[in-house]
Structure formats: C-alpha cells, structure tokens
C-alpha cells in the first residue's frame, strides 16, 4: 500500500525502507503481548517524566492540579505529558 514511499530518497542517513520490520510478532498472541508490554513501558515512562518535571520545577504541580483544581496547571501538566509521549 505504501510501497511508493520506498522510492523516495531517505530523509536521514539511518532511515531504512518501510518494508523492513523493526519488531513484529510471529503470532497474534506474541503481537498482543508485545503491544501490552510496550504500552505498559510507555505509560510508566510518561508518568516518570511527569514526576521528574514536577520535581525539577518550583512548587508542587500535582497538588495544584488535584487539590487546588488549578486549570492552568492542568493544561501545563497535559502539555508536559503530551510532549514526553511525542518523543520518538
């Protein structure tokens, strides 16, 4: 379906064709297990990233969001989590 993308020149030197799999499951169970594992790792890493951001900045962002219900702090926290999750 996207075979025409392989005919384009690579954007970076380490780009590989889209037909080369990095990780794939040999069966449905293996694919499901790897999806759950990588999803769990991603969730844990995003929580740790938020906690690290909260620790490095002055004030307690988690307290501002949950106890004081500060909307601006919640938007900042959401932006931090989205920014962490976008990192490739």
N, C-alpha and C. Protein backbone atom coordinates (compact mmCIF):
# COMPACT_ATOMS: atom_id res chain seq x y z
N UNK A 1 0.81 -1.19 0.00
CA UNK A 1 0.00 0.00 0.00
C UNK A 1 0.86 1.26 0.00
N UNK A 2 1.93 1.26 0.80
CA UNK A 2 2.82 2.42 0.85
C UNK A 2 4.17 2.12 0.20
N UNK A 3 4.18 1.23 -0.77
CA UNK A 3 5.43 0.85 -1.41
C UNK A 3 6.08 2.03 -2.14
N UNK A 4 5.29 2.99 -2.57
CA UNK A 4 5.84 4.15 -3.29
C UNK A 4 6.72 5.00 -2.38
N UNK A 5 6.54 4.89 -1.05
CA UNK A 5 7.38 5.65 -0.13
C UNK A 5 8.82 5.19 -0.17
N UNK A 6 9.04 3.91 -0.50
CA UNK A 6 10.41 3.40 -0.57
C UNK A 6 11.18 3.97 -1.75
N UNK A 7 10.48 4.49 -2.74
CA UNK A 7 11.17 5.07 -3.89
C UNK A 7 11.66 6.48 -3.61
N UNK A 8 11.16 7.11 -2.53
CA UNK A 8 11.61 8.46 -2.17
C UNK A 8 13.00 8.38 -1.55
N UNK A 9 13.80 9.44 -1.71
CA UNK A 9 15.12 9.42 -1.07
C UNK A 9 14.95 9.51 0.46
N UNK A 10 15.82 8.85 1.22
CA UNK A 10 15.71 8.89 2.68
C UNK A 10 15.97 10.29 3.22
N UNK A 11 15.25 10.65 4.27
CA UNK A 11 15.43 11.95 4.90
C UNK A 11 16.69 11.99 5.76
N UNK A 12 17.02 10.88 6.38
CA UNK A 12 18.18 10.79 7.24
C UNK A 12 19.02 9.60 6.81
N UNK A 13 20.28 9.61 7.18
CA UNK A 13 21.18 8.54 6.74
C UNK A 13 20.81 7.19 7.34
N UNK A 14 20.19 7.18 8.52
CA UNK A 14 19.88 5.91 9.16
C UNK A 14 18.48 5.41 8.83
N UNK A 15 17.79 6.07 7.90
CA UNK A 15 16.45 5.60 7.50
C UNK A 15 16.57 4.28 6.75
N UNK A 16 15.65 3.39 7.01
CA UNK A 16 15.59 2.12 6.31
C UNK A 16 14.26 2.05 5.58
N UNK A 17 14.15 1.22 4.57
CA UNK A 17 12.87 1.12 3.87
C UNK A 17 11.74 0.68 4.79
N UNK A 18 10.52 1.08 4.46
CA UNK A 18 9.37 0.77 5.29
C UNK A 18 9.03 -0.71 5.31
N UNK A 19 9.58 -1.47 4.40
CA UNK A 19 9.29 -2.90 4.37
C UNK A 19 10.13 -3.68 5.37
N UNK A 20 11.14 -3.06 5.96
CA UNK A 20 11.99 -3.73 6.93
C UNK A 20 11.37 -3.59 8.32
N UNK A 21 10.93 -4.70 8.93
CA UNK A 21 10.30 -4.60 10.25
C UNK A 21 11.35 -4.47 11.35
N UNK A 22 11.08 -3.61 12.30
CA UNK A 22 11.95 -3.50 13.47
C UNK A 22 11.54 -4.55 14.51
N UNK A 23 10.26 -4.67 14.76
CA UNK A 23 9.75 -5.61 15.75
C UNK A 23 8.39 -6.08 15.26
N UNK A 24 8.18 -7.34 15.27
CA UNK A 24 6.89 -7.88 14.85
C UNK A 24 6.65 -9.19 15.58
N UNK A 25 5.38 -9.49 15.77
CA UNK A 25 5.02 -10.74 16.42
C UNK A 25 4.81 -11.84 15.39
N UNK A 26 5.24 -13.04 15.69
CA UNK A 26 5.07 -14.16 14.78
C UNK A 26 3.65 -14.72 14.85
N UNK A 27 2.92 -14.38 15.91
CA UNK A 27 1.55 -14.86 16.06
C UNK A 27 0.73 -13.74 16.69
N UNK A 28 -0.56 -13.94 16.73
CA UNK A 28 -1.44 -12.94 17.33
C UNK A 28 -1.13 -12.77 18.81
N UNK A 29 -0.88 -13.88 19.50
CA UNK A 29 -0.57 -13.81 20.93
C UNK A 29 0.72 -13.05 21.19
N UNK A 30 1.74 -13.27 20.36
CA UNK A 30 3.00 -12.56 20.52
C UNK A 30 2.83 -11.07 20.23
N UNK A 31 2.05 -10.75 19.20
CA UNK A 31 1.80 -9.35 18.89
C UNK A 31 1.02 -8.67 20.01
N UNK A 32 0.05 -9.37 20.57
CA UNK A 32 -0.72 -8.82 21.68
C UNK A 32 0.15 -8.62 22.91
N UNK A 33 0.99 -9.59 23.21
CA UNK A 33 1.89 -9.48 24.35
C UNK A 33 2.88 -8.33 24.19
N UNK A 34 3.44 -8.18 23.01
CA UNK A 34 4.39 -7.09 22.79
C UNK A 34 3.68 -5.73 22.83
N UNK A 35 2.44 -5.66 22.36
CA UNK A 35 1.68 -4.41 22.43
C UNK A 35 1.43 -4.02 23.88
N UNK A 36 1.04 -5.00 24.69
CA UNK A 36 0.79 -4.73 26.11
C UNK A 36 2.09 -4.33 26.81
N UNK A 37 3.19 -5.01 26.50
CA UNK A 37 4.47 -4.71 27.15
C UNK A 37 4.95 -3.32 26.78
N UNK A 38 4.96 -2.99 25.48
CA UNK A 38 5.44 -1.68 25.07
C UNK A 38 4.49 -0.58 25.53
N UNK A 39 3.19 -0.84 25.55
CA UNK A 39 2.23 0.13 26.07
C UNK A 39 2.45 0.40 27.54
N UNK A 40 2.68 -0.67 28.31
CA UNK A 40 2.95 -0.51 29.74
C UNK A 40 4.23 0.28 30.00
N UNK A 41 5.26 -0.02 29.24
CA UNK A 41 6.52 0.72 29.39
C UNK A 41 6.30 2.19 29.04
N UNK A 42 5.53 2.47 28.00
CA UNK A 42 5.25 3.85 27.62
C UNK A 42 4.48 4.61 28.69
N UNK A 43 3.50 3.96 29.31
CA UNK A 43 2.72 4.60 30.37
C UNK A 43 3.60 4.89 31.57
N UNK A 44 4.41 3.92 31.97
CA UNK A 44 5.30 4.12 33.11
C UNK A 44 6.30 5.24 32.84
N UNK A 45 6.86 5.27 31.63
CA UNK A 45 7.82 6.31 31.29
C UNK A 45 7.18 7.70 31.26
N UNK A 46 5.94 7.80 30.79
CA UNK A 46 5.29 9.11 30.78
C UNK A 46 4.97 9.57 32.20
N UNK A 47 4.59 8.66 33.10
CA UNK A 47 4.36 9.04 34.50
C UNK A 47 5.66 9.48 35.15
N UNK A 48 6.74 8.73 34.90
CA UNK A 48 8.04 9.12 35.45
C UNK A 48 8.51 10.47 34.91
N UNK A 49 8.24 10.73 33.65
CA UNK A 49 8.60 12.03 33.07
C UNK A 49 7.83 13.17 33.71
N UNK A 50 6.54 12.96 33.96
CA UNK A 50 5.74 13.98 34.64
C UNK A 50 6.26 14.21 36.06
N UNK A 51 6.55 13.12 36.78
CA UNK A 51 7.07 13.24 38.14
C UNK A 51 8.43 13.96 38.15
N UNK A 52 9.27 13.68 37.16
CA UNK A 52 10.56 14.35 37.07
C UNK A 52 10.38 15.84 36.80
N UNK A 53 9.47 16.18 35.89
CA UNK A 53 9.18 17.59 35.61
C UNK A 53 8.65 18.28 36.86
N UNK A 54 7.76 17.62 37.59
CA UNK A 54 7.19 18.18 38.82
C UNK A 54 8.28 18.39 39.86
N UNK A 55 9.22 17.47 39.94
CA UNK A 55 10.30 17.56 40.91
C UNK A 55 11.28 18.68 40.56
N UNK A 56 11.54 18.90 39.26
CA UNK A 56 12.53 19.89 38.84
C UNK A 56 12.00 21.32 38.84
N UNK A 57 10.71 21.50 38.82
CA UNK A 57 10.14 22.84 38.79
C UNK A 57 9.72 23.26 40.19
N UNK A 58 9.71 24.59 40.46
CA UNK A 58 9.28 25.05 41.78
C UNK A 58 7.79 24.82 41.99
N UNK A 59 7.41 24.54 43.21
CA UNK A 59 6.01 24.28 43.52
C UNK A 59 5.68 22.81 43.31
N UNK A 60 4.47 22.45 43.67
CA UNK A 60 4.01 21.08 43.51
C UNK A 60 2.89 21.06 42.48
N UNK A 61 3.20 20.66 41.27
CA UNK A 61 2.23 20.67 40.18
C UNK A 61 1.08 19.71 40.44
N UNK A 62 1.38 18.56 40.99
CA UNK A 62 0.33 17.57 41.26
C UNK A 62 -0.66 18.11 42.30
N UNK A 63 -0.16 18.79 43.32
CA UNK A 63 -1.04 19.39 44.33
C UNK A 63 -1.89 20.50 43.72
N UNK A 64 -1.29 21.31 42.86
CA UNK A 64 -2.04 22.38 42.19
C UNK A 64 -3.18 21.83 41.34
N UNK A 65 -2.94 20.72 40.69
CA UNK A 65 -3.95 20.16 39.80
C UNK A 65 -5.06 19.47 40.58
N UNK A 66 -4.70 18.60 41.52
CA UNK A 66 -5.71 17.75 42.16
C UNK A 66 -6.37 18.37 43.38
N UNK A 67 -5.62 19.10 44.20
CA UNK A 67 -6.21 19.65 45.41
C UNK A 67 -6.78 21.05 45.19
N UNK A 68 -6.02 21.91 44.50
CA UNK A 68 -6.48 23.27 44.27
C UNK A 68 -7.29 23.41 42.98
N UNK A 69 -7.30 22.37 42.16
CA UNK A 69 -8.02 22.32 40.89
C UNK A 69 -7.71 23.53 40.00
N UNK A 70 -6.42 23.78 39.85
CA UNK A 70 -5.93 24.87 39.03
C UNK A 70 -5.93 24.43 37.56
N UNK A 71 -6.77 25.04 36.75
CA UNK A 71 -6.92 24.65 35.34
C UNK A 71 -5.64 24.94 34.55
N UNK A 72 -5.00 26.07 34.84
CA UNK A 72 -3.78 26.42 34.11
C UNK A 72 -2.68 25.40 34.39
N UNK A 73 -2.58 24.95 35.63
CA UNK A 73 -1.59 23.93 35.97
C UNK A 73 -1.92 22.61 35.29
N UNK A 74 -3.22 22.30 35.16
CA UNK A 74 -3.63 21.07 34.48
C UNK A 74 -3.27 21.12 33.00
N UNK A 75 -3.43 22.28 32.38
CA UNK A 75 -3.06 22.43 30.97
C UNK A 75 -1.55 22.29 30.81
N UNK A 76 -0.79 22.86 31.73
CA UNK A 76 0.66 22.71 31.70
C UNK A 76 1.06 21.25 31.87
N UNK A 77 0.43 20.56 32.82
CA UNK A 77 0.73 19.14 33.03
C UNK A 77 0.39 18.31 31.81
N UNK A 78 -0.74 18.61 31.17
CA UNK A 78 -1.11 17.88 29.96
C UNK A 78 -0.11 18.14 28.83
N UNK A 79 0.35 19.37 28.71
CA UNK A 79 1.34 19.70 27.68
C UNK A 79 2.65 18.96 27.93
N UNK A 80 3.03 18.84 29.19
CA UNK A 80 4.27 18.12 29.52
C UNK A 80 4.12 16.64 29.17
N UNK A 81 3.00 16.02 29.53
CA UNK A 81 2.80 14.61 29.24
C UNK A 81 2.74 14.37 27.73
N UNK A 82 2.04 15.23 26.99
CA UNK A 82 1.99 15.07 25.53
C UNK A 82 3.38 15.24 24.92
N UNK A 83 4.13 16.23 25.41
CA UNK A 83 5.48 16.44 24.91
C UNK A 83 6.39 15.25 25.17
N UNK A 84 6.24 14.64 26.35
CA UNK A 84 7.04 13.46 26.67
C UNK A 84 6.64 12.29 25.78
N UNK A 85 5.35 12.13 25.55
CA UNK A 85 4.86 10.98 24.76
C UNK A 85 5.17 11.12 23.27
N UNK A 86 5.36 12.33 22.79
CA UNK A 86 5.65 12.52 21.37
C UNK A 86 7.10 12.16 21.04
N UNK A 87 7.98 12.20 22.02
CA UNK A 87 9.40 11.93 21.78
C UNK A 87 9.54 10.54 21.17
N UNK A 88 10.27 10.46 20.08
CA UNK A 88 10.40 9.20 19.34
C UNK A 88 11.64 8.48 19.74
